[in-house]
PDB file of all heavy atoms in Angstrom:
ATOM      1  N   SER A   1      -8.978  40.809 -19.157  1.00  0.00           N
ATOM      2  CA  SER A   1     -10.045  41.627 -19.747  1.00  0.00           C
ATOM      3  C   SER A   1      -9.643  43.095 -19.824  1.00  0.00           C
ATOM      4  O   SER A   1     -10.004  43.800 -20.783  1.00  0.00           O
ATOM      5  CB  SER A   1     -11.353  41.474 -18.954  1.00  0.00           C
ATOM      6  OG  SER A   1     -11.197  41.904 -17.618  1.00  0.00           O
ATOM      7  N   ASP A   2      -8.881  43.570 -18.831  1.00  0.00           N
ATOM      8  CA  ASP A   2      -8.335  44.931 -18.908  1.00  0.00           C
ATOM      9  C   ASP A   2      -7.489  45.080 -20.162  1.00  0.00           C
ATOM     10  O   ASP A   2      -7.629  46.055 -20.918  1.00  0.00           O
ATOM     11  CB  ASP A   2      -7.441  45.237 -17.696  1.00  0.00           C
ATOM     12  CG  ASP A   2      -8.205  45.395 -16.396  1.00  0.00           C
ATOM     13  OD1 ASP A   2      -9.402  45.743 -16.440  1.00  0.00           O
ATOM     14  OD2 ASP A   2      -7.597  45.166 -15.335  1.00  0.00           O
ATOM     15  N   LEU A   3      -6.578  44.132 -20.368  1.00  0.00           N
ATOM     16  CA  LEU A   3      -5.645  44.223 -21.484  1.00  0.00           C
ATOM     17  C   LEU A   3      -6.356  44.163 -22.823  1.00  0.00           C
ATOM     18  O   LEU A   3      -5.985  44.880 -23.766  1.00  0.00           O
ATOM     19  CB  LEU A   3      -4.595  43.113 -21.383  1.00  0.00           C
ATOM     20  CG  LEU A   3      -3.688  43.168 -20.146  1.00  0.00           C
ATOM     21  CD1 LEU A   3      -2.748  41.960 -20.125  1.00  0.00           C
ATOM     22  CD2 LEU A   3      -2.880  44.455 -20.111  1.00  0.00           C
ATOM     23  N   VAL A   4      -7.384  43.346 -22.924  1.00  0.00           N
ATOM     24  CA  VAL A   4      -8.164  43.268 -24.176  1.00  0.00           C
ATOM     25  C   VAL A   4      -8.806  44.619 -24.471  1.00  0.00           C
ATOM     26  O   VAL A   4      -8.761  45.122 -25.611  1.00  0.00           O
ATOM     27  CB  VAL A   4      -9.225  42.155 -24.087  1.00  0.00           C
ATOM     28  CG1 VAL A   4     -10.194  42.246 -25.260  1.00  0.00           C
ATOM     29  CG2 VAL A   4      -8.559  40.780 -24.059  1.00  0.00           C
ATOM     30  N   ALA A   5      -9.394  45.236 -23.453  1.00  0.00           N
ATOM     31  CA  ALA A   5     -10.034  46.541 -23.638  1.00  0.00           C
ATOM     32  C   ALA A   5      -9.005  47.611 -24.009  1.00  0.00           C
ATOM     33  O   ALA A   5      -9.251  48.471 -24.877  1.00  0.00           O
ATOM     34  CB  ALA A   5     -10.778  46.949 -22.369  1.00  0.00           C
ATOM     35  N   ILE A   6      -7.837  47.565 -23.369  1.00  0.00           N
ATOM     36  CA  ILE A   6      -6.772  48.524 -23.669  1.00  0.00           C
ATOM     37  C   ILE A   6      -6.291  48.353 -25.107  1.00  0.00           C
ATOM     38  O   ILE A   6      -6.080  49.340 -25.835  1.00  0.00           O
ATOM     39  CB  ILE A   6      -5.599  48.347 -22.681  1.00  0.00           C
ATOM     40  CG1 ILE A   6      -6.031  48.720 -21.262  1.00  0.00           C
ATOM     41  CG2 ILE A   6      -4.398  49.195 -23.103  1.00  0.00           C
ATOM     42  CD1 ILE A   6      -5.087  48.213 -20.181  1.00  0.00           C
ATOM     43  N   ALA A   7      -6.115  47.102 -25.524  1.00  0.00           N
ATOM     44  CA  ALA A   7      -5.655  46.835 -26.894  1.00  0.00           C
ATOM     45  C   ALA A   7      -6.643  47.377 -27.925  1.00  0.00           C
ATOM     46  O   ALA A   7      -6.239  47.948 -28.947  1.00  0.00           O
ATOM     47  CB  ALA A   7      -5.456  45.326 -27.082  1.00  0.00           C
ATOM     48  N   GLU A   8      -7.924  47.210 -27.659  1.00  0.00           N
ATOM     49  CA  GLU A   8      -8.945  47.729 -28.584  1.00  0.00           C
ATOM     50  C   GLU A   8      -8.862  49.252 -28.690  1.00  0.00           C
ATOM     51  O   GLU A   8      -8.969  49.822 -29.784  1.00  0.00           O
ATOM     52  CB  GLU A   8     -10.339  47.299 -28.123  1.00  0.00           C
ATOM     53  CG  GLU A   8     -10.599  45.806 -28.273  1.00  0.00           C
ATOM     54  CD  GLU A   8     -11.934  45.375 -27.660  1.00  0.00           C
ATOM     55  OE1 GLU A   8     -12.598  46.226 -27.014  1.00  0.00           O
ATOM     56  OE2 GLU A   8     -12.291  44.192 -27.818  1.00  0.00           O
ATOM     57  N   LEU A   9      -8.619  49.909 -27.566  1.00  0.00           N
ATOM     58  CA  LEU A   9      -8.501  51.366 -27.572  1.00  0.00           C
ATOM     59  C   LEU A   9      -7.223  51.817 -28.285  1.00  0.00           C
ATOM     60  O   LEU A   9      -7.227  52.812 -29.018  1.00  0.00           O
ATOM     61  CB  LEU A   9      -8.513  51.901 -26.132  1.00  0.00           C
ATOM     62  CG  LEU A   9      -9.859  51.813 -25.404  1.00  0.00           C
ATOM     63  CD1 LEU A   9      -9.683  52.086 -23.917  1.00  0.00           C
ATOM     64  CD2 LEU A   9     -10.858  52.799 -26.011  1.00  0.00           C
ATOM     65  N   ALA A  10      -6.130  51.082 -28.079  1.00  0.00           N
ATOM     66  CA  ALA A  10      -4.874  51.433 -28.748  1.00  0.00           C
ATOM     67  C   ALA A  10      -5.008  51.312 -30.255  1.00  0.00           C
ATOM     68  O   ALA A  10      -4.504  52.164 -31.009  1.00  0.00           O
ATOM     69  CB  ALA A  10      -3.749  50.535 -28.242  1.00  0.00           C
ATOM     70  N   GLU A  11      -5.692  50.277 -30.691  1.00  0.00           N
ATOM     71  CA  GLU A  11      -5.889  50.092 -32.131  1.00  0.00           C
ATOM     72  C   GLU A  11      -6.831  51.161 -32.692  1.00  0.00           C
ATOM     73  O   GLU A  11      -6.566  51.750 -33.745  1.00  0.00           O
ATOM     74  CB  GLU A  11      -6.453  48.694 -32.393  1.00  0.00           C
ATOM     75  CG  GLU A  11      -6.578  48.365 -33.870  1.00  0.00           C
ATOM     76  CD  GLU A  11      -7.016  46.934 -34.119  1.00  0.00           C
ATOM     77  OE1 GLU A  11      -7.414  46.258 -33.142  1.00  0.00           O
ATOM     78  OE2 GLU A  11      -6.961  46.498 -35.275  1.00  0.00           O
ATOM     79  N   LYS A  12      -7.888  51.456 -31.960  1.00  0.00           N
ATOM     80  CA  LYS A  12      -8.866  52.451 -32.421  1.00  0.00           C
ATOM     81  C   LYS A  12      -8.275  53.846 -32.513  1.00  0.00           C
ATOM     82  O   LYS A  12      -8.518  54.586 -33.484  1.00  0.00           O
ATOM     83  CB  LYS A  12     -10.074  52.452 -31.472  1.00  0.00           C
ATOM     84  CG  LYS A  12     -11.141  53.487 -31.812  1.00  0.00           C
ATOM     85  CD  LYS A  12     -12.287  53.445 -30.807  1.00  0.00           C
ATOM     86  CE  LYS A  12     -13.317  54.532 -31.106  1.00  0.00           C
ATOM     87  NZ  LYS A  12     -14.435  54.505 -30.107  1.00  0.00           N
ATOM     88  N   HIS A  13      -7.476  54.220 -31.521  1.00  0.00           N
ATOM     89  CA  HIS A  13      -6.951  55.592 -31.444  1.00  0.00           C
ATOM     90  C   HIS A  13      -5.493  55.702 -31.904  1.00  0.00           C
ATOM     91  O   HIS A  13      -4.932  56.804 -31.871  1.00  0.00           O
ATOM     92  CB  HIS A  13      -7.095  56.116 -30.015  1.00  0.00           C
ATOM     93  CG  HIS A  13      -8.509  56.245 -29.556  1.00  0.00           C
ATOM     94  ND1 HIS A  13      -9.325  57.293 -29.926  1.00  0.00           N
ATOM     95  CD2 HIS A  13      -9.269  55.433 -28.769  1.00  0.00           C
ATOM     96  CE1 HIS A  13     -10.517  57.133 -29.379  1.00  0.00           C
ATOM     97  NE2 HIS A  13     -10.515  56.020 -28.666  1.00  0.00           N
ATOM     98  N   ASN A  14      -4.904  54.571 -32.284  1.00  0.00           N
ATOM     99  CA  ASN A  14      -3.577  54.563 -32.895  1.00  0.00           C
ATOM    100  C   ASN A  14      -2.503  55.171 -31.992  1.00  0.00           C
ATOM    101  O   ASN A  14      -1.785  56.092 -32.383  1.00  0.00           O
ATOM    102  CB  ASN A  14      -3.601  55.289 -34.246  1.00  0.00           C
ATOM    103  CG  ASN A  14      -2.364  54.991 -35.076  1.00  0.00           C
ATOM    104  OD1 ASN A  14      -1.801  53.904 -34.996  1.00  0.00           O
ATOM    105  ND2 ASN A  14      -1.924  55.968 -35.862  1.00  0.00           N
ATOM    106  N   PHE A  15      -2.395  54.646 -30.760  1.00  0.00           N
ATOM    107  CA  PHE A  15      -1.287  55.054 -29.893  1.00  0.00           C
ATOM    108  C   PHE A  15      -0.463  53.824 -29.506  1.00  0.00           C
ATOM    109  O   PHE A  15      -0.928  52.680 -29.618  1.00  0.00           O
ATOM    110  CB  PHE A  15      -1.760  55.809 -28.641  1.00  0.00           C
ATOM    111  CG  PHE A  15      -2.759  55.079 -27.777  1.00  0.00           C
ATOM    112  CD1 PHE A  15      -2.370  54.095 -26.889  1.00  0.00           C
ATOM    113  CD2 PHE A  15      -4.110  55.415 -27.832  1.00  0.00           C
ATOM    114  CE1 PHE A  15      -3.283  53.434 -26.077  1.00  0.00           C
ATOM    115  CE2 PHE A  15      -5.046  54.765 -27.028  1.00  0.00           C
ATOM    116  CZ  PHE A  15      -4.626  53.774 -26.147  1.00  0.00           C
ATOM    117  N   TYR A  16       0.771  54.075 -29.073  1.00  0.00           N
ATOM    118  CA  TYR A  16       1.675  53.007 -28.674  1.00  0.00           C
ATOM    119  C   TYR A  16       1.471  52.653 -27.199  1.00  0.00           C
ATOM    120  O   TYR A  16       0.978  53.455 -26.413  1.00  0.00           O
ATOM    121  CB  TYR A  16       3.132  53.407 -28.893  1.00  0.00           C
ATOM    122  CG  TYR A  16       3.539  53.475 -30.341  1.00  0.00           C
ATOM    123  CD1 TYR A  16       3.609  54.697 -31.008  1.00  0.00           C
ATOM    124  CD2 TYR A  16       3.860  52.318 -31.048  1.00  0.00           C
ATOM    125  CE1 TYR A  16       3.998  54.764 -32.343  1.00  0.00           C
ATOM    126  CE2 TYR A  16       4.241  52.371 -32.382  1.00  0.00           C
ATOM    127  CZ  TYR A  16       4.301  53.604 -33.022  1.00  0.00           C
ATOM    128  OH  TYR A  16       4.678  53.657 -34.339  1.00  0.00           O
ATOM    129  N   ILE A  17       1.903  51.445 -26.859  1.00  0.00           N
ATOM    130  CA  ILE A  17       1.897  50.963 -25.478  1.00  0.00           C
ATOM    131  C   ILE A  17       3.341  50.721 -25.045  1.00  0.00           C
ATOM    132  O   ILE A  17       4.097  50.040 -25.734  1.00  0.00           O
ATOM    133  CB  ILE A  17       1.123  49.633 -25.333  1.00  0.00           C
ATOM    134  CG1 ILE A  17      -0.315  49.754 -25.846  1.00  0.00           C
ATOM    135  CG2 ILE A  17       1.172  49.150 -23.883  1.00  0.00           C
ATOM    136  CD1 ILE A  17      -1.235  50.519 -24.963  1.00  0.00           C
ATOM    137  N   LEU A  18       3.720  51.290 -23.903  1.00  0.00           N
ATOM    138  CA  LEU A  18       4.993  50.971 -23.259  1.00  0.00           C
ATOM    139  C   LEU A  18       4.647  50.152 -22.024  1.00  0.00           C
ATOM    140  O   LEU A  18       4.090  50.672 -21.055  1.00  0.00           O
ATOM    141  CB  LEU A  18       5.744  52.244 -22.877  1.00  0.00           C
ATOM    142  CG  LEU A  18       7.077  52.069 -22.123  1.00  0.00           C
ATOM    143  CD1 LEU A  18       8.091  51.312 -22.970  1.00  0.00           C
ATOM    144  CD2 LEU A  18       7.636  53.428 -21.695  1.00  0.00           C
ATOM    145  N   THR A  19       4.939  48.860 -22.057  1.00  0.00           N
ATOM    146  CA  THR A  19       4.537  47.980 -20.962  1.00  0.00           C
ATOM    147  C   THR A  19       5.755  47.587 -20.129  1.00  0.00           C
ATOM    148  O   THR A  19       6.680  46.939 -20.612  1.00  0.00           O
ATOM    149  CB  THR A  19       3.784  46.730 -21.474  1.00  0.00           C
ATOM    150  OG1 THR A  19       3.473  45.871 -20.368  1.00  0.00           O
ATOM    151  CG2 THR A  19       4.565  45.951 -22.518  1.00  0.00           C
ATOM    152  N   ASP A  20       5.761  48.046 -18.885  1.00  0.00           N
ATOM    153  CA  ASP A  20       6.852  47.838 -17.944  1.00  0.00           C
ATOM    154  C   ASP A  20       6.558  46.561 -17.158  1.00  0.00           C
ATOM    155  O   ASP A  20       5.677  46.541 -16.298  1.00  0.00           O
ATOM    156  CB  ASP A  20       6.952  49.057 -17.027  1.00  0.00           C
ATOM    157  CG  ASP A  20       8.101  48.982 -16.038  1.00  0.00           C
ATOM    158  OD1 ASP A  20       8.676  47.890 -15.870  1.00  0.00           O
ATOM    159  OD2 ASP A  20       8.404  50.016 -15.411  1.00  0.00           O
ATOM    160  N   GLU A  21       7.323  45.502 -17.459  1.00  0.00           N
ATOM    161  CA  GLU A  21       7.034  44.188 -16.888  1.00  0.00           C
ATOM    162  C   GLU A  21       8.216  43.653 -16.083  1.00  0.00           C
ATOM    163  O   GLU A  21       8.452  42.442 -16.025  1.00  0.00           O
ATOM    164  CB  GLU A  21       6.624  43.228 -18.005  1.00  0.00           C
ATOM    165  CG  GLU A  21       5.395  43.734 -18.768  1.00  0.00           C
ATOM    166  CD  GLU A  21       4.871  42.794 -19.846  1.00  0.00           C
ATOM    167  OE1 GLU A  21       5.323  41.625 -19.904  1.00  0.00           O
ATOM    168  OE2 GLU A  21       4.002  43.227 -20.630  1.00  0.00           O
ATOM    169  N   VAL A  22       8.935  44.564 -15.405  1.00  0.00           N
ATOM    170  CA  VAL A  22      10.122  44.130 -14.655  1.00  0.00           C
ATOM    171  C   VAL A  22       9.771  43.251 -13.458  1.00  0.00           C
ATOM    172  O   VAL A  22      10.637  42.550 -12.927  1.00  0.00           O
ATOM    173  CB  VAL A  22      10.982  45.330 -14.205  1.00  0.00           C
ATOM    174  CG1 VAL A  22      11.531  46.087 -15.393  1.00  0.00           C
ATOM    175  CG2 VAL A  22      10.220  46.251 -13.289  1.00  0.00           C
ATOM    176  N   TYR A  23       8.501  43.277 -13.020  1.00  0.00           N
ATOM    177  CA  TYR A  23       8.087  42.426 -11.893  1.00  0.00           C
ATOM    178  C   TYR A  23       7.291  41.197 -12.368  1.00  0.00           C
ATOM    179  O   TYR A  23       6.606  40.554 -11.572  1.00  0.00           O
ATOM    180  CB  TYR A  23       7.230  43.231 -10.911  1.00  0.00           C
ATOM    181  CG  TYR A  23       7.967  44.371 -10.259  1.00  0.00           C
ATOM    182  CD1 TYR A  23       7.834  45.673 -10.736  1.00  0.00           C
ATOM    183  CD2 TYR A  23       8.809  44.166  -9.165  1.00  0.00           C
ATOM    184  CE1 TYR A  23       8.519  46.733 -10.153  1.00  0.00           C
ATOM    185  CE2 TYR A  23       9.498  45.213  -8.572  1.00  0.00           C
ATOM    186  CZ  TYR A  23       9.345  46.491  -9.072  1.00  0.00           C
ATOM    187  OH  TYR A  23      10.029  47.538  -8.490  1.00  0.00           O
ATOM    188  N   SER A  24       7.391  40.853 -13.650  1.00  0.00           N
ATOM    189  CA  SER A  24       6.548  39.800 -14.205  1.00  0.00           C
ATOM    190  C   SER A  24       6.751  38.448 -13.544  1.00  0.00           C
ATOM    191  O   SER A  24       5.825  37.631 -13.485  1.00  0.00           O
ATOM    192  CB  SER A  24       6.776  39.676 -15.717  1.00  0.00           C
ATOM    193  OG  SER A  24       8.120  39.315 -15.995  1.00  0.00           O
ATOM    194  N   ARG A  25       7.955  38.183 -13.035  1.00  0.00           N
ATOM    195  CA  ARG A  25       8.209  36.885 -12.395  1.00  0.00           C
ATOM    196  C   ARG A  25       7.869  36.912 -10.905  1.00  0.00           C
ATOM    197  O   ARG A  25       7.855  35.859 -10.250  1.00  0.00           O
ATOM    198  CB  ARG A  25       9.687  36.494 -12.571  1.00  0.00           C
ATOM    199  CG  ARG A  25      10.156  36.352 -14.010  1.00  0.00           C
ATOM    200  CD  ARG A  25       9.748  35.049 -14.658  1.00  0.00           C
ATOM    201  NE  ARG A  25      10.371  33.896 -14.044  1.00  0.00           N
ATOM    202  CZ  ARG A  25      11.586  33.440 -14.348  1.00  0.00           C
ATOM    203  NH1 ARG A  25      12.344  34.080 -15.239  1.00  0.00           N
ATOM    204  NH2 ARG A  25      12.072  32.355 -13.774  1.00  0.00           N
ATOM    205  N   LEU A  26       7.628  38.104 -10.355  1.00  0.00           N
ATOM    206  CA  LEU A  26       7.297  38.232  -8.931  1.00  0.00           C
ATOM    207  C   LEU A  26       5.784  38.309  -8.791  1.00  0.00           C
ATOM    208  O   LEU A  26       5.196  39.332  -8.460  1.00  0.00           O
ATOM    209  CB  LEU A  26       7.972  39.465  -8.330  1.00  0.00           C
ATOM    210  CG  LEU A  26       9.497  39.492  -8.432  1.00  0.00           C
ATOM    211  CD1 LEU A  26      10.064  40.740  -7.788  1.00  0.00           C
ATOM    212  CD2 LEU A  26      10.110  38.244  -7.801  1.00  0.00           C
ATOM    213  N   LEU A  27       5.149  37.179  -9.051  1.00  0.00           N
ATOM    214  CA  LEU A  27       3.691  37.073  -9.066  1.00  0.00           C
ATOM    215  C   LEU A  27       3.296  35.914  -8.161  1.00  0.00           C
ATOM    216  O   LEU A  27       3.898  34.840  -8.212  1.00  0.00           O
ATOM    217  CB  LEU A  27       3.219  36.827 -10.502  1.00  0.00           C
ATOM    218  CG  LEU A  27       1.757  37.028 -10.827  1.00  0.00           C
ATOM    219  CD1 LEU A  27       1.342  38.486 -10.646  1.00  0.00           C
ATOM    220  CD2 LEU A  27       1.469  36.591 -12.262  1.00  0.00           C
ATOM    221  N   TYR A  28       2.287  36.138  -7.307  1.00  0.00           N
ATOM    222  CA  TYR A  28       1.951  35.162  -6.275  1.00  0.00           C
ATOM    223  C   TYR A  28       0.703  34.344  -6.585  1.00  0.00           C
ATOM    224  O   TYR A  28       0.465  33.328  -5.951  1.00  0.00           O
ATOM    225  CB  TYR A  28       1.782  35.881  -4.932  1.00  0.00           C
ATOM    226  CG  TYR A  28       2.975  36.731  -4.608  1.00  0.00           C
ATOM    227  CD1 TYR A  28       2.892  38.118  -4.626  1.00  0.00           C
ATOM    228  CD2 TYR A  28       4.217  36.161  -4.327  1.00  0.00           C
ATOM    229  CE1 TYR A  28       3.992  38.907  -4.358  1.00  0.00           C
ATOM    230  CE2 TYR A  28       5.326  36.931  -4.064  1.00  0.00           C
ATOM    231  CZ  TYR A  28       5.214  38.309  -4.084  1.00  0.00           C
ATOM    232  OH  TYR A  28       6.307  39.091  -3.840  1.00  0.00           O
ATOM    233  N   GLU A  29      -0.068  34.800  -7.540  1.00  0.00           N
ATOM    234  CA  GLU A  29      -1.277  34.063  -7.931  1.00  0.00           C
ATOM    235  C   GLU A  29      -1.450  34.173  -9.432  1.00  0.00           C
ATOM    236  O   GLU A  29      -1.218  35.226 -10.020  1.00  0.00           O
ATOM    237  CB  GLU A  29      -2.513  34.630  -7.216  1.00  0.00           C
ATOM    238  CG  GLU A  29      -2.492  34.477  -5.709  1.00  0.00           C
ATOM    239  CD  GLU A  29      -3.690  35.136  -5.047  1.00  0.00           C
ATOM    240  OE1 GLU A  29      -4.768  35.167  -5.664  1.00  0.00           O
ATOM    241  OE2 GLU A  29      -3.535  35.640  -3.921  1.00  0.00           O
ATOM    242  N   GLY A  30      -1.877  33.077 -10.058  1.00  0.00           N
ATOM    243  CA  GLY A  30      -2.140  33.089 -11.494  1.00  0.00           C
ATOM    244  C   GLY A  30      -0.860  33.176 -12.313  1.00  0.00           C
ATOM    245  O   GLY A  30       0.248  32.928 -11.829  1.00  0.00           O
ATOM    246  N   THR A  31      -1.016  33.529 -13.585  1.00  0.00           N
ATOM    247  CA  THR A  31       0.120  33.672 -14.490  1.00  0.00           C
ATOM    248  C   THR A  31       0.168  35.098 -15.020  1.00  0.00           C
ATOM    249  O   THR A  31      -0.855  35.787 -15.082  1.00  0.00           O
ATOM    250  CB  THR A  31      -0.003  32.695 -15.675  1.00  0.00           C
ATOM    251  OG1 THR A  31      -1.256  32.918 -16.343  1.00  0.00           O
ATOM    252  CG2 THR A  31       0.053  31.255 -15.201  1.00  0.00           C
TER     253      THR A  31
END
C-alpha cells in the first residue's frame, strides 16, 4: 500500500524513483 501511494504521487508530480533493492533477497517474512 505504501508503494501504490508513492507511485500515484510520482505520476501526479512527475518525478523519478530510484529504488535500492540490494537487500531484496534478505527478507524474513512475506515476499
